[in-house]
């Protein structure tokens, strides 16, 4: 039962990332985005993954299916970080061209 609630939590957190990625690709701007926020979210997912691996290797507990959602969410957050960096570069290029 614990795994079901954990999976629900991670799925709910992760449900917004595909929309966020789409918005980042479509808008081509980093305005309104916080790189620090995204990095902190990524660190949180890394901590969750490390915790699962620790439980598996040290505590001899099975790796449960929410582990997959941690990885999937980390991939999406990382992709959004990359897009934010790209969009910052595009924003600077637009500012330079308009100056």
PDB file of N, CA and C in Angstrom:
ATOM      1  N   UNK A   1       0.819  -1.195   0.000  1.00  0.00           N
ATOM      2  CA  UNK A   1       0.000   0.000   0.000  1.00  0.00           C
ATOM      3  C   UNK A   1       0.868   1.266   0.000  1.00  0.00           C
ATOM      4  N   UNK A   2       1.978   1.213   0.733  1.00  0.00           N
ATOM      5  CA  UNK A   2       2.905   2.330   0.796  1.00  0.00           C
ATOM      6  C   UNK A   2       3.392   2.705  -0.602  1.00  0.00           C
ATOM      7  N   UNK A   3       3.694   1.694  -1.422  1.00  0.00           N
ATOM      8  CA  UNK A   3       4.192   1.944  -2.777  1.00  0.00           C
ATOM      9  C   UNK A   3       3.144   2.634  -3.645  1.00  0.00           C
ATOM     10  N   UNK A   4       1.877   2.306  -3.415  1.00  0.00           N
ATOM     11  CA  UNK A   4       0.802   2.916  -4.202  1.00  0.00           C
ATOM     12  C   UNK A   4       0.745   4.424  -3.930  1.00  0.00           C
ATOM     13  N   UNK A   5       0.809   4.806  -2.665  1.00  0.00           N
ATOM     14  CA  UNK A   5       0.770   6.230  -2.329  1.00  0.00           C
ATOM     15  C   UNK A   5       2.033   6.952  -2.795  1.00  0.00           C
ATOM     16  N   UNK A   6       3.162   6.286  -2.687  1.00  0.00           N
ATOM     17  CA  UNK A   6       4.403   6.892  -3.161  1.00  0.00           C
ATOM     18  C   UNK A   6       4.355   7.078  -4.676  1.00  0.00           C
ATOM     19  N   UNK A   7       3.887   6.067  -5.382  1.00  0.00           N
ATOM     20  CA  UNK A   7       3.761   6.179  -6.835  1.00  0.00           C
ATOM     21  C   UNK A   7       2.785   7.293  -7.204  1.00  0.00           C
ATOM     22  N   UNK A   8       1.664   7.390  -6.492  1.00  0.00           N
ATOM     23  CA  UNK A   8       0.691   8.447  -6.766  1.00  0.00           C
ATOM     24  C   UNK A   8       1.311   9.821  -6.571  1.00  0.00           C
ATOM     25  N   UNK A   9       2.107   9.979  -5.520  1.00  0.00           N
ATOM     26  CA  UNK A   9       2.766  11.252  -5.264  1.00  0.00           C
ATOM     27  C   UNK A   9       3.704  11.606  -6.424  1.00  0.00           C
ATOM     28  N   UNK A  10       4.542  10.663  -6.815  1.00  0.00           N
ATOM     29  CA  UNK A  10       5.531  10.945  -7.857  1.00  0.00           C
ATOM     30  C   UNK A  10       4.840  11.147  -9.207  1.00  0.00           C
ATOM     31  N   UNK A  11       3.779  10.404  -9.470  1.00  0.00           N
ATOM     32  CA  UNK A  11       3.029  10.583 -10.722  1.00  0.00           C
ATOM     33  C   UNK A  11       2.378  11.961 -10.753  1.00  0.00           C
ATOM     34  N   UNK A  12       1.801  12.377  -9.646  1.00  0.00           N
ATOM     35  CA  UNK A  12       1.187  13.716  -9.587  1.00  0.00           C
ATOM     36  C   UNK A  12       2.219  14.811  -9.804  1.00  0.00           C
ATOM     37  N   UNK A  13       3.381  14.674  -9.173  1.00  0.00           N
ATOM     38  CA  UNK A  13       4.436  15.658  -9.391  1.00  0.00           C
ATOM     39  C   UNK A  13       4.890  15.644 -10.847  1.00  0.00           C
ATOM     40  N   UNK A  14       4.983  14.455 -11.407  1.00  0.00           N
ATOM     41  CA  UNK A  14       5.495  14.319 -12.767  1.00  0.00           C
ATOM     42  C   UNK A  14       4.498  14.641 -13.853  1.00  0.00           C
ATOM     43  N   UNK A  15       3.221  14.702 -13.530  1.00  0.00           N
ATOM     44  CA  UNK A  15       2.199  14.935 -14.549  1.00  0.00           C
ATOM     45  C   UNK A  15       2.333  16.300 -15.212  1.00  0.00           C
ATOM     46  N   UNK A  16       2.868  17.259 -14.493  1.00  0.00           N
ATOM     47  CA  UNK A  16       2.983  18.608 -15.052  1.00  0.00           C
ATOM     48  C   UNK A  16       4.215  18.782 -15.938  1.00  0.00           C
ATOM     49  N   UNK A  17       5.190  17.922 -15.830  1.00  0.00           N
ATOM     50  CA  UNK A  17       6.429  18.129 -16.588  1.00  0.00           C
ATOM     51  C   UNK A  17       6.252  18.048 -18.098  1.00  0.00           C
ATOM     52  N   UNK A  18       5.475  17.104 -18.638  1.00  0.00           N
ATOM     53  CA  UNK A  18       5.315  17.121 -20.102  1.00  0.00           C
ATOM     54  C   UNK A  18       4.712  18.432 -20.618  1.00  0.00           C
ATOM     55  N   UNK A  19       3.756  18.984 -19.876  1.00  0.00           N
ATOM     56  CA  UNK A  19       3.174  20.268 -20.276  1.00  0.00           C
ATOM     57  C   UNK A  19       4.194  21.387 -20.166  1.00  0.00           C
ATOM     58  N   UNK A  20       4.993  21.336 -19.133  1.00  0.00           N
ATOM     59  CA  UNK A  20       6.032  22.341 -18.936  1.00  0.00           C
ATOM     60  C   UNK A  20       7.073  22.257 -20.053  1.00  0.00           C
ATOM     61  N   UNK A  21       7.439  21.032 -20.443  1.00  0.00           N
ATOM     62  CA  UNK A  21       8.391  20.847 -21.540  1.00  0.00           C
ATOM     63  C   UNK A  21       7.817  21.409 -22.846  1.00  0.00           C
ATOM     64  N   UNK A  22       6.562  21.117 -23.102  1.00  0.00           N
ATOM     65  CA  UNK A  22       5.909  21.624 -24.310  1.00  0.00           C
ATOM     66  C   UNK A  22       5.923  23.151 -24.322  1.00  0.00           C
ATOM     67  N   UNK A  23       5.599  23.750 -23.181  1.00  0.00           N
ATOM     68  CA  UNK A  23       5.582  25.207 -23.078  1.00  0.00           C
ATOM     69  C   UNK A  23       6.983  25.782 -23.321  1.00  0.00           C
ATOM     70  N   UNK A  24       8.010  25.124 -22.786  1.00  0.00           N
ATOM     71  CA  UNK A  24       9.385  25.600 -22.966  1.00  0.00           C
ATOM     72  C   UNK A  24       9.813  25.524 -24.429  1.00  0.00           C
ATOM     73  N   UNK A  25       9.427  24.455 -25.106  1.00  0.00           N
ATOM     74  CA  UNK A  25       9.777  24.302 -26.522  1.00  0.00           C
ATOM     75  C   UNK A  25       9.031  25.337 -27.357  1.00  0.00           C
ATOM     76  N   UNK A  26       7.752  25.477 -27.094  1.00  0.00           N
ATOM     77  CA  UNK A  26       6.890  26.348 -27.900  1.00  0.00           C
ATOM     78  C   UNK A  26       7.207  27.835 -27.693  1.00  0.00           C
ATOM     79  N   UNK A  27       7.414  28.240 -26.438  1.00  0.00           N
ATOM     80  CA  UNK A  27       7.587  29.663 -26.140  1.00  0.00           C
ATOM     81  C   UNK A  27       8.956  30.200 -26.547  1.00  0.00           C
ATOM     82  N   UNK A  28       9.983  29.356 -26.503  1.00  0.00           N
ATOM     83  CA  UNK A  28      11.356  29.744 -26.832  1.00  0.00           C
ATOM     84  C   UNK A  28      11.844  30.927 -25.988  1.00  0.00           C
ATOM     85  N   UNK A  29      11.368  30.988 -24.740  1.00  0.00           N
ATOM     86  CA  UNK A  29      11.837  32.012 -23.809  1.00  0.00           C
ATOM     87  C   UNK A  29      11.952  31.406 -22.413  1.00  0.00           C
ATOM     88  N   UNK A  30      12.874  31.952 -21.629  1.00  0.00           N
ATOM     89  CA  UNK A  30      13.060  31.491 -20.247  1.00  0.00           C
ATOM     90  C   UNK A  30      12.389  32.436 -19.260  1.00  0.00           C
ATOM     91  N   UNK A  31      11.689  33.416 -19.775  1.00  0.00           N
ATOM     92  CA  UNK A  31      11.016  34.382 -18.890  1.00  0.00           C
ATOM     93  C   UNK A  31       9.978  33.653 -18.048  1.00  0.00           C
ATOM     94  N   UNK A  32      10.014  33.936 -16.756  1.00  0.00           N
ATOM     95  CA  UNK A  32       9.093  33.297 -15.828  1.00  0.00           C
ATOM     96  C   UNK A  32       9.564  31.942 -15.328  1.00  0.00           C
ATOM     97  N   UNK A  33      10.747  31.510 -15.742  1.00  0.00           N
ATOM     98  CA  UNK A  33      11.277  30.215 -15.316  1.00  0.00           C
ATOM     99  C   UNK A  33      12.364  30.451 -14.262  1.00  0.00           C
ATOM    100  N   UNK A  34      12.449  29.544 -13.312  1.00  0.00           N
ATOM    101  CA  UNK A  34      13.473  29.617 -12.284  1.00  0.00           C
ATOM    102  C   UNK A  34      14.387  28.403 -12.417  1.00  0.00           C
ATOM    103  N   UNK A  35      15.609  28.666 -12.848  1.00  0.00           N
ATOM    104  CA  UNK A  35      16.587  27.590 -12.991  1.00  0.00           C
ATOM    105  C   UNK A  35      16.902  26.968 -11.632  1.00  0.00           C
ATOM    106  N   UNK A  36      17.003  27.782 -10.597  1.00  0.00           N
ATOM    107  CA  UNK A  36      17.276  27.271  -9.257  1.00  0.00           C
ATOM    108  C   UNK A  36      16.176  26.309  -8.812  1.00  0.00           C
ATOM    109  N   UNK A  37      14.928  26.676  -9.055  1.00  0.00           N
ATOM    110  CA  UNK A  37      13.800  25.810  -8.701  1.00  0.00           C
ATOM    111  C   UNK A  37      13.921  24.463  -9.404  1.00  0.00           C
ATOM    112  N   UNK A  38      14.203  24.481 -10.697  1.00  0.00           N
ATOM    113  CA  UNK A  38      14.322  23.241 -11.459  1.00  0.00           C
ATOM    114  C   UNK A  38      15.480  22.379 -10.957  1.00  0.00           C
ATOM    115  N   UNK A  39      16.589  23.022 -10.628  1.00  0.00           N
ATOM    116  CA  UNK A  39      17.744  22.283 -10.110  1.00  0.00           C
ATOM    117  C   UNK A  39      17.409  21.648  -8.758  1.00  0.00           C
ATOM    118  N   UNK A  40      16.716  22.380  -7.908  1.00  0.00           N
ATOM    119  CA  UNK A  40      16.326  21.818  -6.606  1.00  0.00           C
ATOM    120  C   UNK A  40      15.374  20.631  -6.774  1.00  0.00           C
ATOM    121  N   UNK A  41      14.461  20.714  -7.725  1.00  0.00           N
ATOM    122  CA  UNK A  41      13.567  19.584  -7.998  1.00  0.00           C
ATOM    123  C   UNK A  41      14.391  18.383  -8.470  1.00  0.00           C
ATOM    124  N   UNK A  42      15.347  18.615  -9.368  1.00  0.00           N
ATOM    125  CA  UNK A  42      16.200  17.527  -9.860  1.00  0.00           C
ATOM    126  C   UNK A  42      16.986  16.893  -8.712  1.00  0.00           C
ATOM    127  N   UNK A  43      17.518  17.715  -7.824  1.00  0.00           N
ATOM    128  CA  UNK A  43      18.254  17.192  -6.667  1.00  0.00           C
ATOM    129  C   UNK A  43      17.331  16.333  -5.801  1.00  0.00           C
ATOM    130  N   UNK A  44      16.096  16.766  -5.632  1.00  0.00           N
ATOM    131  CA  UNK A  44      15.127  15.984  -4.868  1.00  0.00           C
ATOM    132  C   UNK A  44      14.889  14.618  -5.483  1.00  0.00           C
ATOM    133  N   UNK A  45      14.752  14.567  -6.806  1.00  0.00           N
ATOM    134  CA  UNK A  45      14.563  13.275  -7.466  1.00  0.00           C
ATOM    135  C   UNK A  45      15.811  12.405  -7.352  1.00  0.00           C
ATOM    136  N   UNK A  46      16.990  13.013  -7.464  1.00  0.00           N
ATOM    137  CA  UNK A  46      18.231  12.248  -7.283  1.00  0.00           C
ATOM    138  C   UNK A  46      18.277  11.663  -5.878  1.00  0.00           C
ATOM    139  N   UNK A  47      17.893  12.441  -4.881  1.00  0.00           N
ATOM    140  CA  UNK A  47      17.860  11.938  -3.502  1.00  0.00           C
ATOM    141  C   UNK A  47      16.886  10.765  -3.363  1.00  0.00           C
ATOM    142  N   UNK A  48      15.729  10.864  -4.006  1.00  0.00           N
ATOM    143  CA  UNK A  48      14.771   9.759  -3.983  1.00  0.00           C
ATOM    144  C   UNK A  48      15.337   8.505  -4.623  1.00  0.00           C
ATOM    145  N   UNK A  49      16.034   8.664  -5.739  1.00  0.00           N
ATOM    146  CA  UNK A  49      16.649   7.532  -6.433  1.00  0.00           C
ATOM    147  C   UNK A  49      17.734   6.910  -5.575  1.00  0.00           C
ATOM    148  N   UNK A  50      18.592   7.749  -4.988  1.00  0.00           N
ATOM    149  CA  UNK A  50      19.653   7.249  -4.113  1.00  0.00           C
ATOM    150  C   UNK A  50      19.054   6.520  -2.915  1.00  0.00           C
ATOM    151  N   UNK A  51      17.976   7.047  -2.358  1.00  0.00           N
ATOM    152  CA  UNK A  51      17.306   6.391  -1.242  1.00  0.00           C
ATOM    153  C   UNK A  51      16.789   5.014  -1.621  1.00  0.00           C
ATOM    154  N   UNK A  52      16.211   4.900  -2.818  1.00  0.00           N
ATOM    155  CA  UNK A  52      15.724   3.601  -3.284  1.00  0.00           C
ATOM    156  C   UNK A  52      16.876   2.620  -3.484  1.00  0.00           C
ATOM    157  N   UNK A  53      17.956   3.102  -4.073  1.00  0.00           N
ATOM    158  CA  UNK A  53      19.122   2.233  -4.294  1.00  0.00           C
ATOM    159  C   UNK A  53      19.728   1.817  -2.962  1.00  0.00           C
ATOM    160  N   UNK A  54      19.805   2.731  -2.013  1.00  0.00           N
ATOM    161  CA  UNK A  54      20.316   2.409  -0.680  1.00  0.00           C
ATOM    162  C   UNK A  54      19.452   1.337  -0.018  1.00  0.00           C
ATOM    163  N   UNK A  55      18.149   1.498  -0.106  1.00  0.00           N
ATOM    164  CA  UNK A  55      17.244   0.502   0.484  1.00  0.00           C
ATOM    165  C   UNK A  55      17.450  -0.866  -0.139  1.00  0.00           C
ATOM    166  N   UNK A  56      17.695  -0.880  -1.430  1.00  0.00           N
ATOM    167  CA  UNK A  56      17.888  -2.146  -2.144  1.00  0.00           C
ATOM    168  C   UNK A  56      19.222  -2.793  -1.801  1.00  0.00           C
ATOM    169  N   UNK A  57      20.295  -1.996  -1.800  1.00  0.00           N
ATOM    170  CA  UNK A  57      21.626  -2.578  -1.624  1.00  0.00           C
ATOM    171  C   UNK A  57      22.012  -2.795  -0.165  1.00  0.00           C
ATOM    172  N   UNK A  58      21.682  -1.868   0.711  1.00  0.00           N
ATOM    173  CA  UNK A  58      22.119  -1.941   2.104  1.00  0.00           C
ATOM    174  C   UNK A  58      21.071  -2.609   2.995  1.00  0.00           C
ATOM    175  N   UNK A  59      19.827  -2.218   2.822  1.00  0.00           N
ATOM    176  CA  UNK A  59      18.771  -2.726   3.696  1.00  0.00           C
ATOM    177  C   UNK A  59      18.115  -3.993   3.148  1.00  0.00           C
ATOM    178  N   UNK A  60      18.540  -4.423   1.960  1.00  0.00           N
ATOM    179  CA  UNK A  60      18.041  -5.638   1.326  1.00  0.00           C
ATOM    180  C   UNK A  60      16.523  -5.597   1.113  1.00  0.00           C
ATOM    181  N   UNK A  61      16.013  -4.415   0.804  1.00  0.00           N
ATOM    182  CA  UNK A  61      14.591  -4.260   0.504  1.00  0.00           C
ATOM    183  C   UNK A  61      14.419  -4.287  -1.014  1.00  0.00           C
ATOM    184  N   UNK A  62      13.281  -4.733  -1.499  1.00  0.00           N
ATOM    185  CA  UNK A  62      13.084  -4.762  -2.959  1.00  0.00           C
ATOM    186  C   UNK A  62      12.906  -3.357  -3.522  1.00  0.00           C
ATOM    187  N   UNK A  63      13.363  -3.175  -4.756  1.00  0.00           N
ATOM    188  CA  UNK A  63      13.107  -1.918  -5.458  1.00  0.00           C
ATOM    189  C   UNK A  63      11.688  -2.015  -5.995  1.00  0.00           C
ATOM    190  N   UNK A  64      10.860  -1.070  -5.644  1.00  0.00           N
ATOM    191  CA  UNK A  64       9.461  -1.093  -6.043  1.00  0.00           C
ATOM    192  C   UNK A  64       9.242  -0.216  -7.280  1.00  0.00           C
ATOM    193  N   UNK A  65       8.084  -0.348  -7.898  1.00  0.00           N
ATOM    194  CA  UNK A  65       7.817   0.348  -9.150  1.00  0.00           C
ATOM    195  C   UNK A  65       7.846   1.874  -9.076  1.00  0.00           C
ATOM    196  N   UNK A  66       7.637   2.525  -7.929  1.00  0.00           N
ATOM    197  CA  UNK A  66       7.769   3.995  -7.947  1.00  0.00           C
ATOM    198  C   UNK A  66       9.169   4.461  -8.363  1.00  0.00           C
ATOM    199  N   UNK A  67      10.155   3.592  -8.232  1.00  0.00           N
ATOM    200  CA  UNK A  67      11.528   3.911  -8.650  1.00  0.00           C
ATOM    201  C   UNK A  67      11.552   4.374 -10.106  1.00  0.00           C
ATOM    202  N   UNK A  68      10.765   3.728 -10.948  1.00  0.00           N
ATOM    203  CA  UNK A  68      10.717   4.078 -12.368  1.00  0.00           C
ATOM    204  C   UNK A  68      10.224   5.511 -12.551  1.00  0.00           C
ATOM    205  N   UNK A  69       9.247   5.920 -11.748  1.00  0.00           N
ATOM    206  CA  UNK A  69       8.703   7.271 -11.879  1.00  0.00           C
ATOM    207  C   UNK A  69       9.699   8.324 -11.410  1.00  0.00           C
ATOM    208  N   UNK A  70      10.514   7.995 -10.401  1.00  0.00           N
ATOM    209  CA  UNK A  70      11.574   8.918  -9.994  1.00  0.00           C
ATOM    210  C   UNK A  70      12.515   9.173 -11.169  1.00  0.00           C
ATOM    211  N   UNK A  71      12.903   8.108 -11.849  1.00  0.00           N
ATOM    212  CA  UNK A  71      13.827   8.236 -12.977  1.00  0.00           C
ATOM    213  C   UNK A  71      13.169   9.012 -14.118  1.00  0.00           C
ATOM    214  N   UNK A  72      11.932   8.661 -14.441  1.00  0.00           N
ATOM    215  CA  UNK A  72      11.220   9.353 -15.517  1.00  0.00           C
ATOM    216  C   UNK A  72      11.084  10.848 -15.216  1.00  0.00           C
ATOM    217  N   UNK A  73      10.730  11.184 -13.991  1.00  0.00           N
ATOM    218  CA  UNK A  73      10.603  12.595 -13.615  1.00  0.00           C
ATOM    219  C   UNK A  73      11.941  13.307 -13.683  1.00  0.00           C
ATOM    220  N   UNK A  74      13.006  12.640 -13.248  1.00  0.00           N
ATOM    221  CA  UNK A  74      14.341  13.248 -13.320  1.00  0.00           C
ATOM    222  C   UNK A  74      14.726  13.524 -14.769  1.00  0.00           C
ATOM    223  N   UNK A  75      14.409  12.611 -15.657  1.00  0.00           N
ATOM    224  CA  UNK A  75      14.702  12.818 -17.080  1.00  0.00           C
ATOM    225  C   UNK A  75      13.944  14.040 -17.603  1.00  0.00           C
ATOM    226  N   UNK A  76      12.666  14.153 -17.246  1.00  0.00           N
ATOM    227  CA  UNK A  76      11.872  15.297 -17.720  1.00  0.00           C
ATOM    228  C   UNK A  76      12.361  16.619 -17.130  1.00  0.00           C
ATOM    229  N   UNK A  77      12.712  16.622 -15.841  1.00  0.00           N
ATOM    230  CA  UNK A  77      13.225  17.850 -15.220  1.00  0.00           C
ATOM    231  C   UNK A  77      14.556  18.239 -15.855  1.00  0.00           C
ATOM    232  N   UNK A  78      15.404  17.256 -16.101  1.00  0.00           N
ATOM    233  CA  UNK A  78      16.695  17.527 -16.746  1.00  0.00           C
ATOM    234  C   UNK A  78      16.479  18.106 -18.141  1.00  0.00           C
ATOM    235  N   UNK A  79      15.533  17.545 -18.873  1.00  0.00           N
ATOM    236  CA  UNK A  79      15.224  18.078 -20.206  1.00  0.00           C
ATOM    237  C   UNK A  79      14.731  19.521 -20.106  1.00  0.00           C
ATOM    238  N   UNK A  80      13.935  19.822 -19.103  1.00  0.00           N
ATOM    239  CA  UNK A  80      13.442  21.195 -18.939  1.00  0.00           C
ATOM    240  C   UNK A  80      14.569  22.134 -18.540  1.00  0.00           C
ATOM    241  N   UNK A  81      15.527  21.658 -17.757  1.00  0.00           N
ATOM    242  CA  UNK A  81      16.696  22.480 -17.419  1.00  0.00           C
ATOM    243  C   UNK A  81      17.471  22.816 -18.686  1.00  0.00           C
ATOM    244  N   UNK A  82      17.666  21.826 -19.540  1.00  0.00           N
ATOM    245  CA  UNK A  82      18.377  22.045 -20.805  1.00  0.00           C
ATOM    246  C   UNK A  82      17.616  23.061 -21.667  1.00  0.00           C
ATOM    247  N   UNK A  83      16.304  22.908 -21.734  1.00  0.00           N
ATOM    248  CA  UNK A  83      15.497  23.858 -22.505  1.00  0.00           C
ATOM    249  C   UNK A  83      15.541  25.263 -21.908  1.00  0.00           C
ATOM    250  N   UNK A  84      15.550  25.362 -20.599  1.00  0.00           N
ATOM    251  CA  UNK A  84      15.643  26.673 -19.951  1.00  0.00           C
ATOM    252  C   UNK A  84      16.971  27.338 -20.298  1.00  0.00           C
ATOM    253  N   UNK A  85      18.048  26.566 -20.274  1.00  0.00           N
ATOM    254  CA  UNK A  85      19.356  27.125 -20.644  1.00  0.00           C
ATOM    255  C   UNK A  85      19.372  27.554 -22.106  1.00  0.00           C
ATOM    256  N   UNK A  86      18.780  26.729 -22.974  1.00  0.00           N
ATOM    257  CA  UNK A  86      18.693  27.101 -24.392  1.00  0.00           C
ATOM    258  C   UNK A  86      17.875  28.366 -24.556  1.00  0.00           C
ATOM    259  N   UNK A  87      16.740  28.429 -23.865  1.00  0.00           N
ATOM    260  CA  UNK A  87      15.868  29.591 -24.000  1.00  0.00           C
ATOM    261  C   UNK A  87      16.508  30.858 -23.439  1.00  0.00           C
ATOM    262  N   UNK A  88      17.321  30.716 -22.393  1.00  0.00           N
ATOM    263  CA  UNK A  88      18.063  31.890 -21.885  1.00  0.00           C
ATOM    264  C   UNK A  88      19.001  32.423 -22.965  1.00  0.00           C
ATOM    265  N   UNK A  89      19.650  31.499 -23.646  1.00  0.00           N
ATOM    266  CA  UNK A  89      20.550  31.892 -24.731  1.00  0.00           C
ATOM    267  C   UNK A  89      19.763  32.592 -25.839  1.00  0.00           C
ATOM    268  N   UNK A  90      18.605  32.044 -26.207  1.00  0.00           N
ATOM    269  CA  UNK A  90      17.769  32.677 -27.212  1.00  0.00           C
ATOM    270  C   UNK A  90      17.296  34.055 -26.772  1.00  0.00           C
ATOM    271  N   UNK A  91      16.971  34.194 -25.474  1.00  0.00           N
ATOM    272  CA  UNK A  91      16.561  35.501 -24.948  1.00  0.00           C
ATOM    273  C   UNK A  91      17.695  36.522 -25.098  1.00  0.00           C
ATOM    274  N   UNK A  92      18.914  36.104 -24.785  1.00  0.00           N
ATOM    275  CA  UNK A  92      20.062  37.013 -24.909  1.00  0.00           C
ATOM    276  C   UNK A  92      20.296  37.403 -26.366  1.00  0.00           C
ATOM    277  N   UNK A  93      20.143  36.434 -27.265  1.00  0.00           N
ATOM    278  CA  UNK A  93      20.312  36.728 -28.688  1.00  0.00           C
ATOM    279  C   UNK A  93      19.255  37.724 -29.176  1.00  0.00           C
ATOM    280  N   UNK A  94      18.028  37.581 -28.688  1.00  0.00           N
ATOM    281  CA  UNK A  94      16.954  38.523 -29.062  1.00  0.00           C
ATOM    282  C   UNK A  94      17.257  39.919 -28.538  1.00  0.00           C
ATOM    283  N   UNK A  95      17.748  39.988 -27.285  1.00  0.00           N
ATOM    284  CA  UNK A  95      18.094  41.294 -26.702  1.00  0.00           C
ATOM    285  C   UNK A  95      19.205  41.961 -27.478  1.00  0.00           C
ATOM    286  N   UNK A  96      20.212  41.170 -27.871  1.00  0.00           N
ATOM    287  CA  UNK A  96      21.329  41.708 -28.636  1.00  0.00           C
ATOM    288  C   UNK A  96      20.873  42.200 -29.998  1.00  0.00           C
ATOM    289  N   UNK A  97      19.995  41.441 -30.643  1.00  0.00           N
ATOM    290  CA  UNK A  97      19.496  41.820 -31.972  1.00  0.00           C
ATOM    291  C   UNK A  97      18.631  43.058 -31.898  1.00  0.00           C
ATOM    292  N   UNK A  98      17.910  43.240 -30.801  1.00  0.00           N
ATOM    293  CA  UNK A  98      17.037  44.415 -30.647  1.00  0.00           C
ATOM    294  C   UNK A  98      17.776  45.659 -30.171  1.00  0.00           C
ATOM    295  N   UNK A  99      19.004  45.505 -29.688  1.00  0.00           N
ATOM    296  CA  UNK A  99      19.749  46.634 -29.146  1.00  0.00           C
ATOM    297  C   UNK A  99      20.413  47.476 -30.206  1.00  0.00           C
TER     298      UNK A  99
END
